[in-house]
C-alpha atoms as a PDB file:
ATOM      1  CA  MET A   1     113.782 110.996  94.596  1.00  0.00           C
ATOM      2  CA  LYS A   2     110.970 113.531  94.856  1.00  0.00           C
ATOM      3  CA  ASN A   3     107.515 112.097  95.435  1.00  0.00           C
ATOM      4  CA  ILE A   4     104.722 113.241  93.125  1.00  0.00           C
ATOM      5  CA  LYS A   5     101.065 113.497  93.977  1.00  0.00           C
ATOM      6  CA  ILE A   6      98.179 112.819  91.572  1.00  0.00           C
ATOM      7  CA  LYS A   7      94.960 113.704  93.326  1.00  0.00           C
ATOM      8  CA  ASP A   8      95.309 111.947  96.696  1.00  0.00           C
ATOM      9  CA  THR A   9      97.749 109.315  95.423  1.00  0.00           C
ATOM     10  CA  SER A  10     101.499 109.674  95.939  1.00  0.00           C
ATOM     11  CA  ILE A  11     103.970 108.371  93.360  1.00  0.00           C
ATOM     12  CA  GLY A  12     107.538 107.453  94.267  1.00  0.00           C
ATOM     13  CA  ASN A  13     109.813 104.706  95.536  1.00  0.00           C
ATOM     14  CA  GLU A  14     108.188 104.686  98.974  1.00  0.00           C
ATOM     15  CA  HIS A  15     104.668 104.275  97.598  1.00  0.00           C
ATOM     16  CA  PRO A  16     102.723 101.563  95.748  1.00  0.00           C
ATOM     17  CA  CYS A  17     103.092 101.574  91.973  1.00  0.00           C
ATOM     18  CA  PHE A  18     100.520 103.808  90.265  1.00  0.00           C
ATOM     19  CA  ILE A  19      98.699 101.599  87.744  1.00  0.00           C
ATOM     20  CA  ILE A  20      97.038 103.150  84.701  1.00  0.00           C
ATOM     21  CA  ALA A  21      94.563 101.192  82.597  1.00  0.00           C
ATOM     22  CA  GLU A  22      95.184 102.709  79.157  1.00  0.00           C
ATOM     23  CA  ALA A  23      91.743 102.512  77.561  1.00  0.00           C
ATOM     24  CA  GLY A  24      92.982 104.960  74.931  1.00  0.00           C
ATOM     25  CA  VAL A  25      90.695 104.755  71.899  1.00  0.00           C
ATOM     26  CA  ASN A  26      89.529 101.221  72.623  1.00  0.00           C
ATOM     27  CA  HIS A  27      86.016 102.612  73.062  1.00  0.00           C
ATOM     28  CA  ASN A  28      85.852 102.677  69.224  1.00  0.00           C
ATOM     29  CA  GLY A  29      84.072 106.043  69.333  1.00  0.00           C
ATOM     30  CA  SER A  30      81.277 104.827  71.651  1.00  0.00           C
ATOM     31  CA  LEU A  31      80.625 106.603  74.955  1.00  0.00           C
ATOM     32  CA  ASN A  32      78.781 103.503  76.173  1.00  0.00           C
ATOM     33  CA  ILE A  33      81.846 101.305  75.592  1.00  0.00           C
ATOM     34  CA  ALA A  34      84.038 103.989  77.194  1.00  0.00           C
ATOM     35  CA  LYS A  35      81.932 103.793  80.358  1.00  0.00           C
ATOM     36  CA  LYS A  36      82.204 100.020  80.369  1.00  0.00           C
ATOM     37  CA  LEU A  37      85.989 100.437  80.184  1.00  0.00           C
ATOM     38  CA  VAL A  38      85.809 102.712  83.246  1.00  0.00           C
ATOM     39  CA  ASP A  39      83.789 100.051  85.091  1.00  0.00           C
ATOM     40  CA  ALA A  40      86.229  97.307  84.137  1.00  0.00           C
ATOM     41  CA  ALA A  41      89.298  99.395  85.036  1.00  0.00           C
ATOM     42  CA  LYS A  42      87.846  99.988  88.498  1.00  0.00           C
ATOM     43  CA  ASP A  43      86.952  96.314  88.917  1.00  0.00           C
ATOM     44  CA  VAL A  44      90.464  95.071  88.084  1.00  0.00           C
ATOM     45  CA  GLY A  45      92.106  97.361  90.652  1.00  0.00           C
ATOM     46  CA  SER A  46      93.618 100.121  88.512  1.00  0.00           C
ATOM     47  CA  ASP A  47      94.424 103.445  90.149  1.00  0.00           C
ATOM     48  CA  ALA A  48      93.448 105.351  87.011  1.00  0.00           C
ATOM     49  CA  VAL A  49      91.759 104.870  83.666  1.00  0.00           C
ATOM     50  CA  LYS A  50      93.173 106.863  80.766  1.00  0.00           C
ATOM     51  CA  PHE A  51      91.733 107.808  77.398  1.00  0.00           C
ATOM     52  CA  GLN A  52      92.999 109.930  74.479  1.00  0.00           C
ATOM     53  CA  THR A  53      91.565 113.355  73.712  1.00  0.00           C
ATOM     54  CA  PHE A  54      91.999 114.972  70.301  1.00  0.00           C
ATOM     55  CA  LYS A  55      90.412 116.927  67.500  1.00  0.00           C
ATOM     56  CA  THR A  56      91.236 114.915  64.391  1.00  0.00           C
ATOM     57  CA  ASP A  57      91.510 117.999  62.169  1.00  0.00           C
ATOM     58  CA  SER A  58      94.123 119.442  64.549  1.00  0.00           C
ATOM     59  CA  VAL A  59      96.199 116.274  64.767  1.00  0.00           C
ATOM     60  CA  VAL A  60      96.595 114.663  61.339  1.00  0.00           C
ATOM     61  CA  THR A  61      96.328 115.604  57.671  1.00  0.00           C
ATOM     62  CA  LYS A  62      93.810 113.830  55.476  1.00  0.00           C
ATOM     63  CA  SER A  63      96.643 112.401  53.389  1.00  0.00           C
ATOM     64  CA  ALA A  64      98.641 110.967  56.300  1.00  0.00           C
ATOM     65  CA  PRO A  65      99.254 107.216  55.783  1.00  0.00           C
ATOM     66  CA  LYS A  66      98.557 104.590  58.395  1.00  0.00           C
ATOM     67  CA  ALA A  67     101.393 102.823  60.176  1.00  0.00           C
ATOM     68  CA  GLU A  68     101.970  99.186  59.231  1.00  0.00           C
ATOM     69  CA  TYR A  69     100.441  97.864  62.452  1.00  0.00           C
ATOM     70  CA  GLN A  70      97.399 100.113  61.901  1.00  0.00           C
ATOM     71  CA  LYS A  71      96.858  98.596  58.459  1.00  0.00           C
ATOM     72  CA  LYS A  72      96.535  95.167  60.082  1.00  0.00           C
ATOM     73  CA  PHE A  73      93.908  96.184  62.614  1.00  0.00           C
ATOM     74  CA  SER A  74      91.855  98.909  60.922  1.00  0.00           C
ATOM     75  CA  ASN A  75      90.030  98.955  57.600  1.00  0.00           C
ATOM     76  CA  ALA A  76      89.922 102.758  57.412  1.00  0.00           C
ATOM     77  CA  PRO A  77      91.502 104.063  54.167  1.00  0.00           C
ATOM     78  CA  SER A  78      93.734 106.636  55.902  1.00  0.00           C
ATOM     79  CA  GLN A  79      95.049 107.570  59.318  1.00  0.00           C
ATOM     80  CA  TYR A  80      92.649 110.537  59.308  1.00  0.00           C
ATOM     81  CA  ASP A  81      89.627 108.319  58.664  1.00  0.00           C
ATOM     82  CA  MET A  82      90.755 105.823  61.280  1.00  0.00           C
ATOM     83  CA  ILE A  83      91.229 108.470  63.974  1.00  0.00           C
ATOM     84  CA  LYS A  84      88.073 110.389  63.091  1.00  0.00           C
ATOM     85  CA  LYS A  85      85.955 107.321  63.915  1.00  0.00           C
ATOM     86  CA  LEU A  86      87.599 107.192  67.358  1.00  0.00           C
ATOM     87  CA  GLU A  87      86.994 110.824  68.351  1.00  0.00           C
ATOM     88  CA  LEU A  88      84.741 111.625  71.302  1.00  0.00           C
ATOM     89  CA  SER A  89      83.142 115.055  71.684  1.00  0.00           C
ATOM     90  CA  ALA A  90      83.876 117.537  74.460  1.00  0.00           C
ATOM     91  CA  ASP A  91      80.492 116.824  76.065  1.00  0.00           C
ATOM     92  CA  GLU A  92      81.172 113.087  75.952  1.00  0.00           C
ATOM     93  CA  PHE A  93      84.488 113.618  77.745  1.00  0.00           C
ATOM     94  CA  ARG A  94      82.778 115.726  80.406  1.00  0.00           C
ATOM     95  CA  GLU A  95      80.239 112.967  80.948  1.00  0.00           C
ATOM     96  CA  LEU A  96      82.961 110.293  80.966  1.00  0.00           C
ATOM     97  CA  SER A  97      85.016 112.219  83.513  1.00  0.00           C
ATOM     98  CA  ASP A  98      81.988 112.619  85.792  1.00  0.00           C
ATOM     99  CA  TYR A  99      81.223 108.927  85.406  1.00  0.00           C
ATOM    100  CA  ALA A 100      84.763 107.955  86.469  1.00  0.00           C
ATOM    101  CA  LYS A 101      84.490 110.207  89.523  1.00  0.00           C
ATOM    102  CA  GLU A 102      81.220 108.495  90.489  1.00  0.00           C
ATOM    103  CA  LYS A 103      82.950 105.123  90.188  1.00  0.00           C
ATOM    104  CA  GLY A 104      85.858 106.254  92.371  1.00  0.00           C
ATOM    105  CA  ILE A 105      88.663 105.914  89.844  1.00  0.00           C
ATOM    106  CA  ILE A 106      91.060 108.645  88.687  1.00  0.00           C
ATOM    107  CA  PHE A 107      90.232 109.922  85.195  1.00  0.00           C
ATOM    108  CA  LEU A 108      93.152 110.783  82.891  1.00  0.00           C
ATOM    109  CA  SER A 109      93.455 111.403  79.178  1.00  0.00           C
ATOM    110  CA  SER A 110      96.313 112.128  76.785  1.00  0.00           C
ATOM    111  CA  PRO A 111      95.807 115.361  74.828  1.00  0.00           C
ATOM    112  CA  PHE A 112      97.108 115.690  71.267  1.00  0.00           C
ATOM    113  CA  ASP A 113      96.366 119.377  70.657  1.00  0.00           C
ATOM    114  CA  GLU A 114      96.040 122.586  72.671  1.00  0.00           C
ATOM    115  CA  GLU A 115      92.241 122.649  72.486  1.00  0.00           C
ATOM    116  CA  SER A 116      92.182 119.214  74.087  1.00  0.00           C
ATOM    117  CA  VAL A 117      94.585 120.378  76.814  1.00  0.00           C
ATOM    118  CA  ASP A 118      92.183 123.207  77.638  1.00  0.00           C
ATOM    119  CA  LEU A 119      89.213 120.834  77.703  1.00  0.00           C
ATOM    120  CA  LEU A 120      90.925 118.378  80.047  1.00  0.00           C
ATOM    121  CA  ASP A 121      92.048 121.206  82.320  1.00  0.00           C
ATOM    122  CA  GLU A 122      88.463 122.486  82.443  1.00  0.00           C
ATOM    123  CA  ILE A 123      87.197 118.980  83.229  1.00  0.00           C
ATOM    124  CA  GLY A 124      89.651 118.868  86.129  1.00  0.00           C
ATOM    125  CA  VAL A 125      92.094 116.093  85.298  1.00  0.00           C
ATOM    126  CA  PRO A 126      94.579 115.893  88.183  1.00  0.00           C
ATOM    127  CA  ALA A 127      97.534 115.327  85.816  1.00  0.00           C
ATOM    128  CA  PHE A 128      98.417 115.203  82.145  1.00  0.00           C
ATOM    129  CA  LYS A 129      99.810 112.155  80.353  1.00  0.00           C
ATOM    130  CA  LEU A 130     101.553 112.906  77.070  1.00  0.00           C
ATOM    131  CA  GLY A 131     102.162 110.174  74.515  1.00  0.00           C
ATOM    132  CA  SER A 132     105.525 109.413  72.935  1.00  0.00           C
ATOM    133  CA  GLY A 133     104.573 110.983  69.621  1.00  0.00           C
ATOM    134  CA  GLU A 134     104.361 114.418  71.252  1.00  0.00           C
ATOM    135  CA  ILE A 135     107.747 114.507  72.997  1.00  0.00           C
ATOM    136  CA  THR A 136     109.232 116.784  70.320  1.00  0.00           C
ATOM    137  CA  ASN A 137     106.085 118.943  70.243  1.00  0.00           C
ATOM    138  CA  LEU A 138     107.533 121.551  72.589  1.00  0.00           C
ATOM    139  CA  PRO A 139     104.736 124.107  71.997  1.00  0.00           C
ATOM    140  CA  LEU A 140     102.207 121.531  73.222  1.00  0.00           C
ATOM    141  CA  ILE A 141     104.397 120.636  76.196  1.00  0.00           C
ATOM    142  CA  LYS A 142     104.709 124.299  77.158  1.00  0.00           C
ATOM    143  CA  HIS A 143     100.943 124.726  76.899  1.00  0.00           C
ATOM    144  CA  ILE A 144     100.459 121.736  79.201  1.00  0.00           C
ATOM    145  CA  ILE A 145     102.871 122.996  81.837  1.00  0.00           C
ATOM    146  CA  SER A 146     101.126 126.375  81.835  1.00  0.00           C
ATOM    147  CA  LYS A 147      98.282 124.542  83.609  1.00  0.00           C
ATOM    148  CA  GLY A 148     100.560 123.770  86.558  1.00  0.00           C
ATOM    149  CA  LYS A 149      99.609 120.099  86.871  1.00  0.00           C
ATOM    150  CA  PRO A 150     101.846 117.002  87.068  1.00  0.00           C
ATOM    151  CA  LEU A 151     102.997 115.596  83.741  1.00  0.00           C
ATOM    152  CA  ILE A 152     103.616 111.941  82.893  1.00  0.00           C
ATOM    153  CA  LEU A 153     105.743 111.935  79.748  1.00  0.00           C
ATOM    154  CA  SER A 154     106.290 108.883  77.544  1.00  0.00           C
ATOM    155  CA  THR A 155     109.706 108.622  75.901  1.00  0.00           C
ATOM    156  CA  GLY A 156     109.159 106.059  73.138  1.00  0.00           C
ATOM    157  CA  MET A 157     110.999 106.789  69.865  1.00  0.00           C
ATOM    158  CA  ALA A 158     113.018 109.505  71.641  1.00  0.00           C
ATOM    159  CA  SER A 159     116.764 109.906  71.996  1.00  0.00           C
ATOM    160  CA  LEU A 160     118.256 111.131  75.274  1.00  0.00           C
ATOM    161  CA  CYS A 161     118.842 114.495  73.599  1.00  0.00           C
ATOM    162  CA  GLU A 162     115.172 114.779  72.642  1.00  0.00           C
ATOM    163  CA  ILE A 163     114.123 113.880  76.185  1.00  0.00           C
ATOM    164  CA  GLU A 164     116.496 116.538  77.493  1.00  0.00           C
ATOM    165  CA  ASP A 165     114.952 119.109  75.128  1.00  0.00           C
ATOM    166  CA  ALA A 166     111.498 118.336  76.516  1.00  0.00           C
ATOM    167  CA  ILE A 167     112.740 118.602  80.107  1.00  0.00           C
ATOM    168  CA  THR A 168     114.457 121.908  79.315  1.00  0.00           C
ATOM    169  CA  ALA A 169     111.121 123.255  78.044  1.00  0.00           C
ATOM    170  CA  ILE A 170     109.597 122.344  81.400  1.00  0.00           C
ATOM    171  CA  LYS A 171     112.326 123.935  83.541  1.00  0.00           C
ATOM    172  CA  ASP A 172     110.974 127.451  83.002  1.00  0.00           C
ATOM    173  CA  LYS A 173     107.961 126.465  85.096  1.00  0.00           C
ATOM    174  CA  PRO A 174     108.935 123.528  87.300  1.00  0.00           C
ATOM    175  CA  ILE A 175     106.188 120.935  87.673  1.00  0.00           C
ATOM    176  CA  ASP A 176     106.061 117.386  88.928  1.00  0.00           C
ATOM    177  CA  LEU A 177     107.366 115.189  86.111  1.00  0.00           C
ATOM    178  CA  THR A 178     107.426 111.422  85.652  1.00  0.00           C
ATOM    179  CA  LEU A 179     109.225 109.855  82.684  1.00  0.00           C
ATOM    180  CA  MET A 180     107.788 106.711  81.152  1.00  0.00           C
ATOM    181  CA  TYR A 181     110.083 104.240  79.423  1.00  0.00           C
ATOM    182  CA  CYS A 182     108.311 102.920  76.352  1.00  0.00           C
ATOM    183  CA  VAL A 183     108.940 101.005  73.137  1.00  0.00           C
ATOM    184  CA  THR A 184     106.584 102.378  70.496  1.00  0.00           C
ATOM    185  CA  ASN A 185     105.347  99.321  68.662  1.00  0.00           C
ATOM    186  CA  TYR A 186     101.944  97.644  68.856  1.00  0.00           C
ATOM    187  CA  PRO A 187     102.557  95.028  70.047  1.00  0.00           C
ATOM    188  CA  ALA A 188     106.227  95.342  70.985  1.00  0.00           C
ATOM    189  CA  SER A 189     108.299  92.178  71.129  1.00  0.00           C
ATOM    190  CA  VAL A 190     110.093  91.194  74.314  1.00  0.00           C
ATOM    191  CA  GLU A 191     113.389  91.418  72.411  1.00  0.00           C
ATOM    192  CA  GLU A 192     112.769  95.114  71.697  1.00  0.00           C
ATOM    193  CA  VAL A 193     112.445  96.003  75.370  1.00  0.00           C
ATOM    194  CA  ASP A 194     115.440  96.818  77.550  1.00  0.00           C
ATOM    195  CA  LEU A 195     114.123  97.439  81.051  1.00  0.00           C
ATOM    196  CA  ASN A 196     117.545  98.632  82.210  1.00  0.00           C
ATOM    197  CA  ILE A 197     116.841 101.827  80.259  1.00  0.00           C
ATOM    198  CA  MET A 198     114.567 102.803  83.158  1.00  0.00           C
ATOM    199  CA  ASN A 199     117.703 103.105  85.289  1.00  0.00           C
ATOM    200  CA  THR A 200     119.396 105.069  82.524  1.00  0.00           C
ATOM    201  CA  LEU A 201     116.529 107.544  82.454  1.00  0.00           C
ATOM    202  CA  HIS A 202     116.447 107.905  86.225  1.00  0.00           C
ATOM    203  CA  ASN A 203     120.210 108.261  86.595  1.00  0.00           C
ATOM    204  CA  THR A 204     120.417 110.746  83.723  1.00  0.00           C
ATOM    205  CA  PHE A 205     117.474 112.997  84.503  1.00  0.00           C
ATOM    206  CA  LYS A 206     116.762 112.361  88.218  1.00  0.00           C
ATOM    207  CA  PHE A 207     112.994 112.072  87.821  1.00  0.00           C
ATOM    208  CA  PRO A 208     110.676 109.217  88.835  1.00  0.00           C
ATOM    209  CA  VAL A 209     110.450 106.637  86.051  1.00  0.00           C
ATOM    210  CA  GLY A 210     107.634 104.331  84.999  1.00  0.00           C
ATOM    211  CA  PHE A 211     107.023 101.806  82.248  1.00  0.00           C
ATOM    212  CA  SER A 212     104.436 101.989  79.488  1.00  0.00           C
ATOM    213  CA  ASP A 213     104.275  98.384  78.312  1.00  0.00           C
ATOM    214  CA  HIS A 214     103.217  97.475  74.781  1.00  0.00           C
ATOM    215  CA  THR A 215     104.211  93.804  74.889  1.00  0.00           C
ATOM    216  CA  MET A 216     101.520  91.117  74.783  1.00  0.00           C
ATOM    217  CA  GLY A 217     102.181  89.560  78.179  1.00  0.00           C
ATOM    218  CA  ILE A 218     102.531  90.832  81.739  1.00  0.00           C
ATOM    219  CA  GLU A 219     105.990  89.463  82.591  1.00  0.00           C
ATOM    220  CA  LEU A 220     107.908  92.621  81.705  1.00  0.00           C
ATOM    221  CA  THR A 221     105.356  94.819  83.445  1.00  0.00           C
ATOM    222  CA  VAL A 222     105.817  92.925  86.690  1.00  0.00           C
ATOM    223  CA  ALA A 223     109.611  92.865  86.235  1.00  0.00           C
ATOM    224  CA  ALA A 224     109.592  96.641  85.726  1.00  0.00           C
ATOM    225  CA  VAL A 225     107.952  97.111  89.119  1.00  0.00           C
ATOM    226  CA  ALA A 226     110.626  94.932  90.732  1.00  0.00           C
ATOM    227  CA  LEU A 227     113.221  97.161  89.055  1.00  0.00           C
ATOM    228  CA  GLY A 228     111.680 100.303  90.516  1.00  0.00           C
ATOM    229  CA  ALA A 229     108.969 101.506  88.117  1.00  0.00           C
ATOM    230  CA  CYS A 230     106.779 104.005  89.992  1.00  0.00           C
ATOM    231  CA  VAL A 231     104.059 104.049  87.329  1.00  0.00           C
ATOM    232  CA  ILE A 232     102.759 101.277  85.085  1.00  0.00           C
ATOM    233  CA  GLU A 233     100.629 101.912  82.023  1.00  0.00           C
ATOM    234  CA  LYS A 234      99.158  99.053  80.020  1.00  0.00           C
ATOM    235  CA  HIS A 235      96.642  99.078  77.167  1.00  0.00           C
ATOM    236  CA  PHE A 236      93.240  97.794  78.206  1.00  0.00           C
ATOM    237  CA  THR A 237      90.303  96.492  76.163  1.00  0.00           C
ATOM    238  CA  LEU A 238      87.022  94.711  76.725  1.00  0.00           C
ATOM    239  CA  ASP A 239      87.651  92.440  73.748  1.00  0.00           C
ATOM    240  CA  ARG A 240      90.948  91.992  71.895  1.00  0.00           C
ATOM    241  CA  ASN A 241      89.078  90.865  68.776  1.00  0.00           C
ATOM    242  CA  LEU A 242      87.414  94.231  68.188  1.00  0.00           C
ATOM    243  CA  GLU A 243      88.511  96.279  65.168  1.00  0.00           C
ATOM    244  CA  GLY A 244      90.844  99.151  65.993  1.00  0.00           C
ATOM    245  CA  PRO A 245      94.541 100.069  66.160  1.00  0.00           C
ATOM    246  CA  ASP A 246      95.208  99.203  69.819  1.00  0.00           C
ATOM    247  CA  HIS A 247      93.009  96.250  70.765  1.00  0.00           C
ATOM    248  CA  LYS A 248      95.503  93.546  69.768  1.00  0.00           C
ATOM    249  CA  ALA A 249      98.213  95.011  72.013  1.00  0.00           C
ATOM    250  CA  SER A 250      95.832  95.316  74.969  1.00  0.00           C
ATOM    251  CA  LEU A 251      94.949  93.148  77.934  1.00  0.00           C
ATOM    252  CA  GLU A 252      91.406  91.995  78.555  1.00  0.00           C
ATOM    253  CA  PRO A 253      89.966  92.535  82.066  1.00  0.00           C
ATOM    254  CA  GLU A 254      90.838  89.119  83.515  1.00  0.00           C
ATOM    255  CA  GLU A 255      94.432  89.426  82.249  1.00  0.00           C
ATOM    256  CA  PHE A 256      94.711  92.968  83.557  1.00  0.00           C
ATOM    257  CA  LYS A 257      93.526  91.873  86.993  1.00  0.00           C
ATOM    258  CA  THR A 258      96.176  89.140  87.016  1.00  0.00           C
ATOM    259  CA  MET A 259      98.773  91.808  86.217  1.00  0.00           C
ATOM    260  CA  VAL A 260      97.549  94.104  88.999  1.00  0.00           C
ATOM    261  CA  ASP A 261      97.520  91.271  91.542  1.00  0.00           C
ATOM    262  CA  SER A 262     101.015  90.209  90.449  1.00  0.00           C
ATOM    263  CA  ILE A 263     102.319  93.762  90.839  1.00  0.00           C
ATOM    264  CA  ARG A 264     100.871  94.062  94.325  1.00  0.00           C
ATOM    265  CA  ASN A 265     102.393  90.716  95.315  1.00  0.00           C
ATOM    266  CA  VAL A 266     105.796  91.808  93.997  1.00  0.00           C
ATOM    267  CA  GLU A 267     105.530  94.999  96.051  1.00  0.00           C
ATOM    268  CA  LYS A 268     104.764  92.989  99.167  1.00  0.00           C
ATOM    269  CA  GLY A 269     107.797  90.821  98.450  1.00  0.00           C
ATOM    270  CA  MET A 270     110.228  93.687  97.855  1.00  0.00           C
ATOM    271  CA  GLY A 271     110.385  94.718 101.527  1.00  0.00           C
ATOM    272  CA  ASN A 272     112.892  97.264 102.850  1.00  0.00           C
ATOM    273  CA  GLY A 273     116.205  95.465 102.333  1.00  0.00           C
ATOM    274  CA  VAL A 274     116.865  94.936 106.068  1.00  0.00           C
ATOM    275  CA  LYS A 275     118.017  91.327 106.657  1.00  0.00           C
ATOM    276  CA  LYS A 276     116.229  89.959 109.683  1.00  0.00           C
ATOM    277  CA  LEU A 277     114.368  86.795 110.614  1.00  0.00           C
ATOM    278  CA  THR A 278     110.640  86.730 110.052  1.00  0.00           C
ATOM    279  CA  ASP A 279     108.335  85.475 112.793  1.00  0.00           C
ATOM    280  CA  ASN A 280     107.804  82.268 110.840  1.00  0.00           C
ATOM    281  CA  GLU A 281     111.552  81.770 110.373  1.00  0.00           C
ATOM    282  CA  LEU A 282     112.089  82.128 114.115  1.00  0.00           C
ATOM    283  CA  SER A 283     109.637  79.304 114.772  1.00  0.00           C
ATOM    284  CA  ILE A 284     111.020  77.081 111.978  1.00  0.00           C
ATOM    285  CA  LYS A 285     114.667  77.783 112.857  1.00  0.00           C
ATOM    286  CA  LYS A 286     114.739  75.481 115.901  1.00  0.00           C
ATOM    287  CA  MET A 287     113.366  72.596 113.861  1.00  0.00           C
ATOM    288  CA  ALA A 288     115.361  73.089 110.654  1.00  0.00           C
ATOM    289  CA  ARG A 289     118.811  73.801 112.103  1.00  0.00           C
ATOM    290  CA  LYS A 290     121.085  71.301 113.822  1.00  0.00           C
ATOM    291  CA  SER A 291     123.045  71.238 117.044  1.00  0.00           C
ATOM    292  CA  ILE A 292     125.670  69.026 118.658  1.00  0.00           C
ATOM    293  CA  MET A 293     124.198  65.816 120.114  1.00  0.00           C
ATOM    294  CA  ALA A 294     125.590  62.853 121.991  1.00  0.00           C
ATOM    295  CA  GLY A 295     126.431  60.147 119.453  1.00  0.00           C
ATOM    296  CA  ARG A 296     126.230  57.530 122.230  1.00  0.00           C
ATOM    297  CA  ASP A 297     125.540  57.411 125.953  1.00  0.00           C
ATOM    298  CA  ILE A 298     128.200  59.479 127.735  1.00  0.00           C
ATOM    299  CA  GLN A 299     129.069  58.913 131.389  1.00  0.00           C
ATOM    300  CA  LYS A 300     129.625  61.661 133.936  1.00  0.00           C
ATOM    301  CA  GLY A 301     133.283  62.770 133.921  1.00  0.00           C
ATOM    302  CA  GLU A 302     134.043  61.486 130.398  1.00  0.00           C
ATOM    303  CA  ILE A 303     136.183  63.696 128.198  1.00  0.00           C
ATOM    304  CA  LEU A 304     134.472  64.537 124.940  1.00  0.00           C
ATOM    305  CA  LYS A 305     135.986  63.228 121.724  1.00  0.00           C
ATOM    306  CA  LYS A 306     134.786  63.856 118.185  1.00  0.00           C
ATOM    307  CA  ASP A 307     133.626  60.258 117.662  1.00  0.00           C
ATOM    308  CA  MET A 308     131.354  60.570 120.702  1.00  0.00           C
ATOM    309  CA  LEU A 309     129.408  63.403 119.091  1.00  0.00           C
ATOM    310  CA  THR A 310     126.997  63.847 116.185  1.00  0.00           C
ATOM    311  CA  ILE A 311     125.248  66.788 114.547  1.00  0.00           C
ATOM    312  CA  LYS A 312     121.476  66.481 114.192  1.00  0.00           C
ATOM    313  CA  ARG A 313     118.231  68.409 114.316  1.00  0.00           C
ATOM    314  CA  PRO A 314     116.754  70.174 116.235  1.00  0.00           C
ATOM    315  CA  GLU A 315     118.695  73.284 117.230  1.00  0.00           C
ATOM    316  CA  THR A 316     118.348  72.719 120.971  1.00  0.00           C
ATOM    317  CA  GLY A 317     122.013  72.400 121.884  1.00  0.00           C
ATOM    318  CA  ILE A 318     125.364  74.004 121.114  1.00  0.00           C
ATOM    319  CA  TYR A 319     125.770  75.235 117.531  1.00  0.00           C
ATOM    320  CA  PRO A 320     127.845  72.921 115.286  1.00  0.00           C
ATOM    321  CA  LYS A 321     130.361  75.728 114.649  1.00  0.00           C
ATOM    322  CA  TYR A 322     131.578  75.343 118.270  1.00  0.00           C
ATOM    323  CA  ILE A 323     132.400  71.638 118.063  1.00  0.00           C
ATOM    324  CA  ASP A 324     136.184  72.197 118.178  1.00  0.00           C
ATOM    325  CA  LEU A 325     135.759  74.263 121.359  1.00  0.00           C
ATOM    326  CA  ILE A 326     134.015  71.517 123.314  1.00  0.00           C
ATOM    327  CA  ILE A 327     136.251  68.577 122.331  1.00  0.00           C
ATOM    328  CA  GLY A 328     138.481  67.783 125.317  1.00  0.00           C
ATOM    329  CA  LYS A 329     136.022  69.081 127.910  1.00  0.00           C
ATOM    330  CA  LYS A 330     134.431  66.871 130.617  1.00  0.00           C
ATOM    331  CA  VAL A 331     130.722  66.363 131.053  1.00  0.00           C
ATOM    332  CA  ASN A 332     129.450  67.002 134.578  1.00  0.00           C
ATOM    333  CA  LYS A 333     126.546  64.549 134.402  1.00  0.00           C
ATOM    334  CA  PRO A 334     125.467  61.608 132.250  1.00  0.00           C
ATOM    335  CA  VAL A 335     124.221  62.379 128.707  1.00  0.00           C
ATOM    336  CA  LEU A 336     122.039  59.929 126.801  1.00  0.00           C
ATOM    337  CA  LYS A 337     122.410  59.205 123.075  1.00  0.00           C
ATOM    338  CA  ASP A 338     120.779  61.934 120.907  1.00  0.00           C
ATOM    339  CA  GLU A 339     120.533  64.258 123.902  1.00  0.00           C
ATOM    340  CA  PRO A 340     121.731  67.789 123.036  1.00  0.00           C
ATOM    341  CA  ILE A 341     125.083  68.922 124.392  1.00  0.00           C
ATOM    342  CA  LYS A 342     124.601  72.225 126.252  1.00  0.00           C
ATOM    343  CA  TRP A 343     127.146  74.557 127.771  1.00  0.00           C
ATOM    344  CA  ASP A 344     125.978  73.859 131.351  1.00  0.00           C
ATOM    345  CA  LEU A 345     126.915  70.151 130.888  1.00  0.00           C
ATOM    346  CA  LEU A 346     130.595  70.990 130.425  1.00  0.00           C
ATOM    347  CA  LYS A 347     133.470  71.876 132.703  1.00  0.00           C
END
């Protein structure tokens, strides 16, 4: 599988999972809160912090209804009003991007219109992340790929045919592509998620695959890494009790750090698949395994019989699997009870 590079970070099976703290619109329209999200994302060990960039008038009509989950978490009368309150200006995004660079964390944002694509390209984002709702928006996808930067594409709500259509639109100008498996619900239930679909996506389209997790916990996120996810994206908030469409399906900083630490531990435990003894196993092996011992005192010249022998720890004598080979052989010197039987004792 081809490795992909975002800034100085490589993405692929041979590299650590790329972890995105999806701050999204959890800044609630405040640049100050957005900067605090950058700080927190850096502190919890994320590789990148991601926001959402849009011009409300270019994205949604004033009559567009809110989704059911949005009705629960936002008091705005319409989707337009809800989103408008969450919009940051171009200058605020420039300042936010510079702030992330100062903090040493990769700055990403999902564009929802061509003007936002141009802004993010001007700011210098090292890659584009496109949300699931835009996967059938082929004109927007083509505008993104015209910038020649890597694309991370979420596939929530999409059929395999729709994913193929999006990939076909990209083929005219090949770029580095990562597909993100996603269940578009906020929050998504564990029962809705089928992590094996990551393998389906990889086997079907031959691109690196990640997981954008909308469940409440971290178990499936960590499991996805064990199953080969190259990228993890998880919603991130300073306070889950804040008003807004995404806070309830987000992790707070302490939870996010637990997720990051768990992912890194899983990566350490995955290894390379080569079965060999660890240094610790080599030292424990002698103590934990057994060998053939004298079950009683044995005189020089005695012929070994099974009832004269026992199998006990430690592994300092002949392996138990050879017991049938040594029965009937003479010992060439006396052997005390519980003394290991070794090959040089036999003739």
